């Protein structure tokens, strides 16, 4: 009887974990969408000489990057989490440079990187098995 309860609990945890994973991916993608939007707005504000609006857009972009960085699981994420943390540090430094110098080339550089990472996150749900689908282990 205890084994059956354990298996049932395991199944419930697996389903909850699957939903949590999907929700986390969706939240991360929303953060990336907001980041990319903020960078795009900053570009337009630089081109139109709207310094205050550019500053606000870049501050929002920085806060989003810091949020992404704080969401990293350093313990379970290993090298990937450390590499993303380093990348996010670089992006924040570039945003500061962009804000100080209105550097559109730097803005395009980090926008392109963030779009690439967002697109990679978009593939994550396809890598996570659906609830109830058995996971096959390599032998």
Protein backbone atom coordinates (compact mmCIF):
# COMPACT_ATOMS: atom_id res chain seq x y z
CA UNK A 1 0.00 0.00 0.00
CA UNK A 2 2.82 2.46 0.81
CA UNK A 3 4.46 1.75 -2.56
CA UNK A 4 1.22 2.61 -4.35
CA UNK A 5 0.91 5.87 -2.42
CA UNK A 6 4.54 6.70 -3.19
CA UNK A 7 4.00 6.05 -6.90
CA UNK A 8 0.84 8.16 -6.89
CA UNK A 9 2.67 10.98 -5.11
CA UNK A 10 5.55 10.69 -7.56
CA UNK A 11 3.11 10.99 -10.46
CA UNK A 12 1.51 14.07 -8.93
CA UNK A 13 4.88 15.67 -8.29
CA UNK A 14 5.94 14.91 -11.85
CA UNK A 15 2.79 16.59 -13.25
CA UNK A 16 3.21 19.62 -10.97
CA UNK A 17 6.89 19.85 -11.89
CA UNK A 18 5.98 19.73 -15.58
CA UNK A 19 3.46 22.53 -15.18
CA UNK A 20 5.90 24.56 -13.09
CA UNK A 21 8.56 24.12 -15.77
CA UNK A 22 6.20 25.26 -18.50
CA UNK A 23 5.10 28.23 -16.43
CA UNK A 24 8.70 29.18 -15.67
CA UNK A 25 9.58 29.03 -19.35
CA UNK A 26 6.59 31.20 -20.21
CA UNK A 27 7.60 33.72 -17.54
CA UNK A 28 11.18 33.81 -18.79
CA UNK A 29 9.96 34.32 -22.34
CA UNK A 30 7.76 37.18 -21.15
CA UNK A 31 10.81 38.76 -19.51
CA UNK A 32 12.78 38.42 -22.72
CA UNK A 33 9.88 39.93 -24.70
CA UNK A 34 9.85 42.90 -22.32
CA UNK A 35 13.61 43.23 -22.56
CA UNK A 36 13.61 43.16 -26.36
CA UNK A 37 10.74 45.66 -26.42
CA UNK A 38 12.62 48.00 -24.05
CA UNK A 39 15.76 47.80 -26.19
CA UNK A 40 13.73 48.54 -29.31
CA UNK A 41 12.07 51.53 -27.62
CA UNK A 42 15.48 52.80 -26.50
CA UNK A 43 16.68 52.60 -30.11
CA UNK A 44 13.80 54.75 -31.28
CA UNK A 45 14.30 57.25 -28.47
CA UNK A 46 18.02 57.54 -29.31
CA UNK A 47 17.19 58.14 -32.96
CA UNK A 48 14.66 60.84 -32.02
CA UNK A 49 16.82 62.47 -29.36
CA UNK A 50 14.40 61.66 -26.53
CA UNK A 51 16.99 61.36 -23.81
CA UNK A 52 14.63 60.94 -20.83
CA UNK A 53 12.55 58.27 -22.57
CA UNK A 54 15.72 56.48 -23.71
CA UNK A 55 16.96 56.50 -20.13
CA UNK A 56 13.68 55.01 -18.85
CA UNK A 57 13.66 52.28 -21.50
CA UNK A 58 17.26 51.32 -20.75
CA UNK A 59 16.63 51.33 -16.98
CA UNK A 60 13.72 48.96 -17.53
CA UNK A 61 15.92 46.77 -19.74
CA UNK A 62 18.58 46.66 -16.99
CA UNK A 63 16.02 45.70 -14.35
CA UNK A 64 14.75 42.87 -16.56
CA UNK A 65 18.28 41.56 -17.17
CA UNK A 66 18.93 41.63 -13.41
CA UNK A 67 15.66 39.74 -12.91
CA UNK A 68 16.76 37.11 -15.40
CA UNK A 69 20.10 36.86 -13.65
CA UNK A 70 18.48 36.49 -10.23
CA UNK A 71 16.25 33.72 -11.60
CA UNK A 72 19.25 31.54 -12.46
CA UNK A 73 19.63 28.40 -10.37
CA UNK A 74 23.36 28.43 -9.72
CA UNK A 75 23.33 25.06 -7.93
CA UNK A 76 21.48 23.01 -10.54
CA UNK A 77 22.36 25.15 -13.55
CA UNK A 78 26.09 24.41 -13.51
CA UNK A 79 28.16 25.88 -16.32
CA UNK A 80 25.09 27.06 -18.22
CA UNK A 81 23.90 29.18 -15.30
CA UNK A 82 27.40 30.59 -14.75
CA UNK A 83 27.77 31.43 -18.44
CA UNK A 84 24.36 33.12 -18.53
CA UNK A 85 25.22 35.09 -15.37
CA UNK A 86 28.42 36.31 -17.06
CA UNK A 87 26.48 37.19 -20.21
CA UNK A 88 23.86 39.10 -18.21
CA UNK A 89 26.63 41.02 -16.42
CA UNK A 90 28.07 41.93 -19.82
CA UNK A 91 24.64 43.02 -21.10
CA UNK A 92 24.08 45.30 -18.09
CA UNK A 93 27.51 46.90 -18.64
CA UNK A 94 26.70 47.42 -22.33
CA UNK A 95 23.34 48.99 -21.44
CA UNK A 96 25.18 51.48 -19.20
CA UNK A 97 27.53 52.28 -22.12
CA UNK A 98 24.60 52.61 -24.51
CA UNK A 99 22.86 55.00 -22.15
CA UNK A 100 26.01 57.12 -21.74
CA UNK A 101 27.04 57.21 -25.41
CA UNK A 102 23.84 56.53 -27.42
CA UNK A 103 25.73 53.65 -29.08
CA UNK A 104 23.31 52.09 -31.58
CA UNK A 105 25.86 49.47 -32.66
CA UNK A 106 26.15 48.19 -29.07
CA UNK A 107 22.36 48.29 -28.77
CA UNK A 108 22.01 46.17 -31.90
CA UNK A 109 24.63 43.74 -30.56
CA UNK A 110 22.85 43.03 -27.29
CA UNK A 111 19.40 43.08 -28.92
CA UNK A 112 20.54 40.38 -31.32
CA UNK A 113 21.99 38.28 -28.47
CA UNK A 114 18.82 38.58 -26.40
CA UNK A 115 16.65 37.62 -29.39
CA UNK A 116 18.83 34.53 -29.94
CA UNK A 117 18.54 33.52 -26.27
CA UNK A 118 14.79 34.13 -26.29
CA UNK A 119 14.47 31.92 -29.37
CA UNK A 120 16.46 29.21 -27.60
CA UNK A 121 14.10 29.40 -24.60
CA UNK A 122 11.19 29.05 -27.00
CA UNK A 123 12.47 25.54 -27.81
CA UNK A 124 12.55 24.41 -24.15
CA UNK A 125 8.90 23.24 -23.88
CA UNK A 126 9.51 20.82 -26.75
CA UNK A 127 12.36 19.29 -24.72
CA UNK A 128 10.24 18.72 -21.59
CA UNK A 129 8.09 15.56 -21.71
CA UNK A 130 4.37 16.12 -21.42
CA UNK A 131 2.75 15.01 -18.16
CA UNK A 132 1.99 11.28 -18.27
CA UNK A 133 4.49 10.59 -21.05
CA UNK A 134 7.11 8.12 -19.85
CA UNK A 135 10.70 9.33 -19.97
CA UNK A 136 13.02 6.82 -21.64
CA UNK A 137 16.41 6.39 -20.12
CA UNK A 138 19.37 5.58 -22.30
CA UNK A 139 20.85 2.19 -21.54
